[in-house]
């Protein structure tokens, strides 16, 4: 896990803040914007950016979740940026992930977007931006 703290738009963030810039620069099927990120970073808790890459969307998501400090039940706000290469994920794959999160932590607030990224080839990438309670 990248535990380095950087400042992005005045907010301290653990992880690769370049991912935040990529999120707001991307035009997607469902686009996240700077306001989405700022609202999350302004939430209570420490802000973390993690990611996972895998041919399987669920596995990419698990990699990103496993890089978070603690468990999902400590996350109050979560932004998920789903990126795909040659194969667009099915809505059932996305729904399965968000449904599992909601079951694990009924109080979690989830925002998500979907973006195409040809550089991923046959892989998927999941970027999480999370506000984690201490």
N, C-alpha and C. Protein backbone atom coordinates (compact mmCIF):
# COMPACT_ATOMS: atom_id res chain seq x y z
N UNK A 1 0.85 -1.17 0.00
CA UNK A 1 0.00 0.00 0.00
C UNK A 1 0.89 1.24 0.00
N UNK A 2 0.55 2.19 -0.84
CA UNK A 2 1.25 3.46 -0.87
C UNK A 2 0.68 4.34 0.22
N UNK A 3 1.42 4.56 1.29
CA UNK A 3 0.94 5.32 2.43
C UNK A 3 1.47 6.75 2.43
N UNK A 4 2.12 7.14 1.33
CA UNK A 4 2.66 8.49 1.21
C UNK A 4 1.52 9.50 1.28
N UNK A 5 1.73 10.59 2.01
CA UNK A 5 0.72 11.65 2.10
C UNK A 5 1.12 12.79 1.18
N UNK A 6 0.18 13.17 0.31
CA UNK A 6 0.37 14.30 -0.59
C UNK A 6 -0.81 15.24 -0.41
N UNK A 7 -0.67 16.44 -0.92
CA UNK A 7 -1.77 17.41 -0.86
C UNK A 7 -2.36 17.54 -2.26
N UNK A 8 -3.68 17.38 -2.34
CA UNK A 8 -4.40 17.56 -3.60
C UNK A 8 -5.52 18.55 -3.34
N UNK A 9 -5.48 19.67 -4.03
CA UNK A 9 -6.50 20.71 -3.91
C UNK A 9 -6.70 21.13 -2.45
N UNK A 10 -5.61 21.13 -1.68
CA UNK A 10 -5.66 21.55 -0.29
C UNK A 10 -5.99 20.45 0.71
N UNK A 11 -6.22 19.23 0.25
CA UNK A 11 -6.58 18.11 1.12
C UNK A 11 -5.44 17.11 1.22
N UNK A 12 -5.14 16.62 2.43
CA UNK A 12 -4.13 15.56 2.57
C UNK A 12 -4.71 14.23 2.09
N UNK A 13 -3.94 13.52 1.28
CA UNK A 13 -4.41 12.25 0.70
C UNK A 13 -3.27 11.23 0.77
N UNK A 14 -3.60 10.02 1.24
CA UNK A 14 -2.66 8.90 1.21
C UNK A 14 -2.80 8.22 -0.14
N UNK A 15 -1.68 7.96 -0.81
CA UNK A 15 -1.73 7.23 -2.08
C UNK A 15 -1.37 8.10 -3.26
N UNK A 16 -1.64 7.59 -4.44
CA UNK A 16 -1.24 8.22 -5.70
C UNK A 16 -2.26 9.27 -6.13
N UNK A 17 -1.97 10.53 -5.84
CA UNK A 17 -2.92 11.60 -6.17
C UNK A 17 -3.03 11.84 -7.68
N UNK A 18 -2.11 11.30 -8.46
CA UNK A 18 -2.24 11.41 -9.92
C UNK A 18 -3.51 10.73 -10.40
N UNK A 19 -3.96 9.71 -9.67
CA UNK A 19 -5.21 9.04 -10.03
C UNK A 19 -6.40 10.01 -9.93
N UNK A 20 -6.36 10.94 -8.99
CA UNK A 20 -7.44 11.91 -8.86
C UNK A 20 -7.51 12.80 -10.09
N UNK A 21 -6.35 13.23 -10.57
CA UNK A 21 -6.31 14.03 -11.80
C UNK A 21 -6.83 13.23 -12.99
N UNK A 22 -6.47 11.95 -13.07
CA UNK A 22 -6.93 11.11 -14.18
C UNK A 22 -8.45 10.97 -14.16
N UNK A 23 -9.00 10.87 -12.96
CA UNK A 23 -10.46 10.74 -12.84
C UNK A 23 -11.15 11.96 -13.42
N UNK A 24 -10.69 13.15 -13.05
CA UNK A 24 -11.40 14.36 -13.51
C UNK A 24 -11.08 14.71 -14.96
N UNK A 25 -9.99 14.17 -15.50
CA UNK A 25 -9.64 14.43 -16.90
C UNK A 25 -10.32 13.46 -17.85
N UNK A 26 -10.91 12.39 -17.33
CA UNK A 26 -11.50 11.34 -18.17
C UNK A 26 -12.96 11.64 -18.48
N UNK A 27 -13.32 11.40 -19.73
CA UNK A 27 -14.72 11.42 -20.14
C UNK A 27 -15.17 9.98 -20.17
N UNK A 28 -16.22 9.68 -19.47
CA UNK A 28 -16.62 8.29 -19.38
C UNK A 28 -18.07 8.07 -19.73
N UNK A 29 -18.47 6.82 -19.60
CA UNK A 29 -19.87 6.44 -19.77
C UNK A 29 -20.65 7.06 -18.62
N UNK A 30 -20.10 6.95 -17.42
CA UNK A 30 -20.59 7.67 -16.24
C UNK A 30 -19.37 8.40 -15.70
N UNK A 31 -19.39 9.72 -15.77
CA UNK A 31 -18.22 10.52 -15.45
C UNK A 31 -18.27 11.07 -14.04
N UNK A 32 -17.16 10.92 -13.33
CA UNK A 32 -16.97 11.56 -12.03
C UNK A 32 -16.27 12.88 -12.29
N UNK A 33 -16.48 13.86 -11.39
CA UNK A 33 -15.84 15.15 -11.61
C UNK A 33 -15.14 15.64 -10.34
N UNK A 34 -14.54 16.80 -10.45
CA UNK A 34 -13.78 17.36 -9.34
C UNK A 34 -14.66 17.55 -8.10
N UNK A 35 -15.91 17.97 -8.29
CA UNK A 35 -16.81 18.16 -7.15
C UNK A 35 -17.05 16.85 -6.40
N UNK A 36 -17.15 15.74 -7.13
CA UNK A 36 -17.31 14.43 -6.48
C UNK A 36 -16.11 14.12 -5.59
N UNK A 37 -14.93 14.36 -6.12
CA UNK A 37 -13.70 14.08 -5.37
C UNK A 37 -13.58 15.01 -4.16
N UNK A 38 -13.82 16.28 -4.35
CA UNK A 38 -13.70 17.25 -3.25
C UNK A 38 -14.70 16.93 -2.14
N UNK A 39 -15.93 16.55 -2.50
CA UNK A 39 -16.91 16.22 -1.45
C UNK A 39 -16.44 15.02 -0.63
N UNK A 40 -15.79 14.06 -1.27
CA UNK A 40 -15.28 12.91 -0.54
C UNK A 40 -14.10 13.32 0.34
N UNK A 41 -13.18 14.09 -0.21
CA UNK A 41 -12.00 14.49 0.56
C UNK A 41 -12.36 15.37 1.75
N UNK A 42 -13.48 16.07 1.65
CA UNK A 42 -13.93 16.94 2.74
C UNK A 42 -14.66 16.16 3.84
N UNK A 43 -14.98 14.89 3.59
CA UNK A 43 -15.67 14.05 4.57
C UNK A 43 -14.75 13.74 5.75
N UNK A 44 -15.36 13.33 6.86
CA UNK A 44 -14.57 12.94 8.03
C UNK A 44 -13.73 11.72 7.73
N UNK A 45 -12.56 11.66 8.34
CA UNK A 45 -11.68 10.52 8.18
C UNK A 45 -10.48 10.84 7.30
N UNK A 46 -9.58 9.89 7.22
CA UNK A 46 -8.40 10.03 6.36
C UNK A 46 -8.76 9.63 4.94
N UNK A 47 -8.24 10.37 3.98
CA UNK A 47 -8.51 10.08 2.58
C UNK A 47 -7.41 9.19 2.00
N UNK A 48 -7.84 8.15 1.29
CA UNK A 48 -6.91 7.18 0.70
C UNK A 48 -7.28 6.93 -0.75
N UNK A 49 -6.25 6.78 -1.60
CA UNK A 49 -6.43 6.39 -3.00
C UNK A 49 -5.70 5.06 -3.18
N UNK A 50 -6.44 4.05 -3.65
CA UNK A 50 -5.85 2.75 -3.94
C UNK A 50 -6.35 2.28 -5.30
N UNK A 51 -5.67 1.30 -5.87
CA UNK A 51 -6.11 0.78 -7.17
C UNK A 51 -5.73 -0.68 -7.31
N UNK A 52 -6.40 -1.33 -8.25
CA UNK A 52 -6.11 -2.71 -8.60
C UNK A 52 -6.32 -2.90 -10.09
N UNK A 53 -5.49 -3.73 -10.71
CA UNK A 53 -5.60 -4.03 -12.14
C UNK A 53 -5.63 -5.54 -12.31
N UNK A 54 -6.60 -6.02 -13.11
CA UNK A 54 -6.73 -7.45 -13.33
C UNK A 54 -7.63 -7.66 -14.55
N UNK A 55 -7.55 -8.82 -15.18
CA UNK A 55 -8.44 -9.13 -16.29
C UNK A 55 -9.88 -9.29 -15.81
N UNK A 56 -10.05 -9.62 -14.54
CA UNK A 56 -11.36 -9.80 -13.93
C UNK A 56 -11.69 -8.56 -13.11
N UNK A 57 -12.83 -7.93 -13.37
CA UNK A 57 -13.20 -6.69 -12.67
C UNK A 57 -13.30 -6.90 -11.16
N UNK A 58 -13.90 -8.01 -10.74
CA UNK A 58 -14.03 -8.30 -9.32
C UNK A 58 -12.68 -8.44 -8.64
N UNK A 59 -11.72 -9.08 -9.32
CA UNK A 59 -10.38 -9.23 -8.76
C UNK A 59 -9.66 -7.88 -8.69
N UNK A 60 -9.83 -7.05 -9.70
CA UNK A 60 -9.23 -5.71 -9.67
C UNK A 60 -9.80 -4.92 -8.49
N UNK A 61 -11.10 -5.04 -8.27
CA UNK A 61 -11.74 -4.37 -7.14
C UNK A 61 -11.18 -4.89 -5.82
N UNK A 62 -11.05 -6.22 -5.69
CA UNK A 62 -10.51 -6.81 -4.46
C UNK A 62 -9.09 -6.32 -4.18
N UNK A 63 -8.27 -6.21 -5.22
CA UNK A 63 -6.91 -5.68 -5.04
C UNK A 63 -6.95 -4.27 -4.46
N UNK A 64 -7.84 -3.43 -5.00
CA UNK A 64 -7.94 -2.05 -4.52
C UNK A 64 -8.45 -2.00 -3.08
N UNK A 65 -9.46 -2.82 -2.76
CA UNK A 65 -10.00 -2.85 -1.40
C UNK A 65 -8.96 -3.35 -0.42
N UNK A 66 -8.22 -4.39 -0.80
CA UNK A 66 -7.20 -4.94 0.09
C UNK A 66 -6.07 -3.97 0.36
N UNK A 67 -5.90 -2.96 -0.49
CA UNK A 67 -4.86 -1.96 -0.28
C UNK A 67 -5.31 -0.85 0.67
N UNK A 68 -6.61 -0.81 1.00
CA UNK A 68 -7.11 0.19 1.95
C UNK A 68 -6.65 -0.20 3.37
N UNK A 69 -6.44 0.80 4.22
CA UNK A 69 -6.13 0.47 5.62
C UNK A 69 -7.41 0.03 6.33
N UNK A 70 -7.36 -1.05 7.02
CA UNK A 70 -8.54 -1.52 7.73
C UNK A 70 -9.55 -2.18 6.82
N UNK A 71 -10.77 -2.28 7.30
CA UNK A 71 -11.82 -2.98 6.59
C UNK A 71 -12.82 -1.98 6.00
N UNK A 72 -13.65 -2.48 5.10
CA UNK A 72 -14.64 -1.64 4.43
C UNK A 72 -15.63 -1.03 5.42
N UNK A 73 -15.86 -1.68 6.56
CA UNK A 73 -16.80 -1.12 7.52
C UNK A 73 -16.29 0.18 8.15
N UNK A 74 -15.02 0.51 7.94
CA UNK A 74 -14.45 1.76 8.43
C UNK A 74 -14.56 2.89 7.40
N UNK A 75 -15.07 2.57 6.21
CA UNK A 75 -15.18 3.56 5.13
C UNK A 75 -16.56 4.20 5.16
N UNK A 76 -16.59 5.53 5.25
CA UNK A 76 -17.86 6.24 5.26
C UNK A 76 -18.26 6.71 3.87
N UNK A 77 -17.29 7.16 3.11
CA UNK A 77 -17.52 7.68 1.75
C UNK A 77 -16.58 6.93 0.82
N UNK A 78 -17.09 6.51 -0.34
CA UNK A 78 -16.26 5.77 -1.28
C UNK A 78 -16.59 6.20 -2.70
N UNK A 79 -15.57 6.56 -3.43
CA UNK A 79 -15.68 6.86 -4.85
C UNK A 79 -14.98 5.74 -5.59
N UNK A 80 -15.67 5.14 -6.56
CA UNK A 80 -15.10 4.03 -7.33
C UNK A 80 -15.03 4.44 -8.79
N UNK A 81 -13.84 4.40 -9.35
CA UNK A 81 -13.63 4.67 -10.76
C UNK A 81 -13.32 3.35 -11.44
N UNK A 82 -14.30 2.82 -12.20
CA UNK A 82 -14.12 1.59 -12.96
C UNK A 82 -13.57 1.97 -14.33
N UNK A 83 -12.43 1.40 -14.71
CA UNK A 83 -11.86 1.65 -16.04
C UNK A 83 -11.73 0.32 -16.76
N UNK A 84 -12.03 0.33 -18.04
CA UNK A 84 -11.94 -0.91 -18.80
C UNK A 84 -11.19 -0.68 -20.09
N UNK A 85 -10.56 -1.76 -20.56
CA UNK A 85 -9.83 -1.72 -21.82
C UNK A 85 -10.71 -2.16 -22.96
N UNK A 86 -10.43 -3.34 -23.49
CA UNK A 86 -11.14 -3.85 -24.67
C UNK A 86 -12.53 -4.40 -24.37
N UNK A 87 -12.78 -4.74 -23.12
CA UNK A 87 -14.07 -5.36 -22.77
C UNK A 87 -14.81 -4.50 -21.74
N UNK A 88 -15.93 -3.96 -22.16
CA UNK A 88 -16.74 -3.15 -21.24
C UNK A 88 -17.38 -4.07 -20.21
N UNK A 89 -17.32 -3.70 -18.92
CA UNK A 89 -17.93 -4.56 -17.89
C UNK A 89 -19.45 -4.59 -18.03
N UNK A 90 -20.03 -5.68 -17.59
CA UNK A 90 -21.48 -5.82 -17.59
C UNK A 90 -22.04 -5.09 -16.37
N UNK A 91 -23.24 -4.55 -16.51
CA UNK A 91 -23.87 -3.85 -15.39
C UNK A 91 -24.02 -4.79 -14.20
N UNK A 92 -24.22 -6.08 -14.44
CA UNK A 92 -24.36 -7.04 -13.34
C UNK A 92 -23.06 -7.14 -12.53
N UNK A 93 -21.90 -7.02 -13.19
CA UNK A 93 -20.61 -7.05 -12.48
C UNK A 93 -20.49 -5.83 -11.57
N UNK A 94 -20.86 -4.66 -12.09
CA UNK A 94 -20.78 -3.42 -11.31
C UNK A 94 -21.77 -3.46 -10.15
N UNK A 95 -22.99 -3.90 -10.42
CA UNK A 95 -24.01 -3.97 -9.38
C UNK A 95 -23.62 -4.94 -8.28
N UNK A 96 -23.01 -6.05 -8.65
CA UNK A 96 -22.58 -7.03 -7.66
C UNK A 96 -21.59 -6.42 -6.68
N UNK A 97 -20.66 -5.64 -7.21
CA UNK A 97 -19.66 -4.99 -6.35
C UNK A 97 -20.31 -3.97 -5.42
N UNK A 98 -21.13 -3.09 -5.96
CA UNK A 98 -21.75 -2.06 -5.11
C UNK A 98 -22.74 -2.67 -4.12
N UNK A 99 -23.46 -3.73 -4.53
CA UNK A 99 -24.39 -4.40 -3.62
C UNK A 99 -23.64 -5.05 -2.46
N UNK A 100 -22.51 -5.71 -2.76
CA UNK A 100 -21.71 -6.34 -1.71
C UNK A 100 -21.19 -5.29 -0.72
N UNK A 101 -20.75 -4.15 -1.24
CA UNK A 101 -20.28 -3.07 -0.35
C UNK A 101 -21.40 -2.59 0.55
N UNK A 102 -22.58 -2.39 -0.01
CA UNK A 102 -23.72 -1.91 0.78
C UNK A 102 -24.15 -2.91 1.84
N UNK A 103 -24.04 -4.21 1.53
CA UNK A 103 -24.36 -5.24 2.51
C UNK A 103 -23.32 -5.27 3.63
N UNK A 104 -22.05 -5.10 3.27
CA UNK A 104 -20.97 -5.12 4.24
C UNK A 104 -21.03 -3.90 5.15
N UNK A 105 -21.37 -2.76 4.57
CA UNK A 105 -21.42 -1.50 5.32
C UNK A 105 -22.64 -0.71 4.86
N UNK A 106 -23.79 -0.90 5.53
CA UNK A 106 -25.03 -0.24 5.09
C UNK A 106 -24.97 1.29 5.14
N UNK A 107 -24.04 1.86 5.90
CA UNK A 107 -23.95 3.32 6.02
C UNK A 107 -23.02 3.96 5.00
N UNK A 108 -22.40 3.16 4.14
CA UNK A 108 -21.43 3.68 3.18
C UNK A 108 -22.15 4.49 2.09
N UNK A 109 -21.56 5.60 1.72
CA UNK A 109 -22.06 6.41 0.62
C UNK A 109 -21.13 6.14 -0.57
N UNK A 110 -21.69 5.63 -1.67
CA UNK A 110 -20.88 5.23 -2.82
C UNK A 110 -21.20 6.10 -4.03
N UNK A 111 -20.15 6.63 -4.65
CA UNK A 111 -20.24 7.31 -5.95
C UNK A 111 -19.38 6.50 -6.90
N UNK A 112 -19.80 6.36 -8.15
CA UNK A 112 -18.96 5.60 -9.07
C UNK A 112 -19.10 6.11 -10.50
N UNK A 113 -18.05 5.82 -11.25
CA UNK A 113 -18.00 6.18 -12.65
C UNK A 113 -17.39 5.05 -13.46
N UNK A 114 -17.62 5.10 -14.78
CA UNK A 114 -17.09 4.08 -15.69
C UNK A 114 -16.43 4.80 -16.86
N UNK A 115 -15.18 4.42 -17.13
CA UNK A 115 -14.40 5.07 -18.18
C UNK A 115 -13.66 4.04 -19.02
N UNK A 116 -13.58 4.30 -20.31
CA UNK A 116 -12.80 3.47 -21.21
C UNK A 116 -11.34 3.95 -21.20
N UNK A 117 -10.41 3.01 -21.17
CA UNK A 117 -8.98 3.32 -21.20
C UNK A 117 -8.29 2.27 -22.05
N UNK A 118 -8.05 2.60 -23.32
CA UNK A 118 -7.48 1.64 -24.27
C UNK A 118 -6.13 1.09 -23.82
N UNK A 119 -5.39 1.85 -23.01
CA UNK A 119 -4.07 1.38 -22.57
C UNK A 119 -4.16 0.15 -21.67
N UNK A 120 -5.36 -0.18 -21.17
CA UNK A 120 -5.52 -1.35 -20.30
C UNK A 120 -5.60 -2.66 -21.07
N UNK A 121 -5.79 -2.60 -22.39
CA UNK A 121 -5.88 -3.83 -23.18
C UNK A 121 -7.04 -4.69 -22.71
N UNK A 122 -6.75 -5.92 -22.30
CA UNK A 122 -7.80 -6.85 -21.85
C UNK A 122 -8.05 -6.76 -20.34
N UNK A 123 -7.45 -5.79 -19.69
CA UNK A 123 -7.58 -5.67 -18.24
C UNK A 123 -8.60 -4.61 -17.84
N UNK A 124 -8.93 -4.64 -16.56
CA UNK A 124 -9.77 -3.62 -15.93
C UNK A 124 -8.96 -2.99 -14.81
N UNK A 125 -9.26 -1.76 -14.50
CA UNK A 125 -8.62 -1.08 -13.38
C UNK A 125 -9.70 -0.47 -12.51
N UNK A 126 -9.55 -0.64 -11.22
CA UNK A 126 -10.47 -0.05 -10.26
C UNK A 126 -9.67 0.88 -9.37
N UNK A 127 -10.08 2.15 -9.32
CA UNK A 127 -9.45 3.13 -8.45
C UNK A 127 -10.48 3.47 -7.36
N UNK A 128 -10.05 3.37 -6.11
CA UNK A 128 -10.90 3.73 -4.99
C UNK A 128 -10.36 4.99 -4.34
N UNK A 129 -11.26 5.89 -4.02
CA UNK A 129 -10.94 7.05 -3.20
C UNK A 129 -11.86 6.91 -1.99
N UNK A 130 -11.27 6.78 -0.82
CA UNK A 130 -12.05 6.45 0.36
C UNK A 130 -11.78 7.39 1.52
N UNK A 131 -12.83 7.73 2.25
CA UNK A 131 -12.70 8.44 3.52
C UNK A 131 -12.82 7.37 4.60
N UNK A 132 -11.71 7.11 5.30
CA UNK A 132 -11.63 6.01 6.26
C UNK A 132 -11.63 6.57 7.68
N UNK A 133 -12.57 6.07 8.51
CA UNK A 133 -12.62 6.47 9.91
C UNK A 133 -11.40 5.97 10.66
N UNK A 134 -10.95 6.77 11.60
CA UNK A 134 -9.79 6.37 12.40
C UNK A 134 -10.14 5.27 13.38
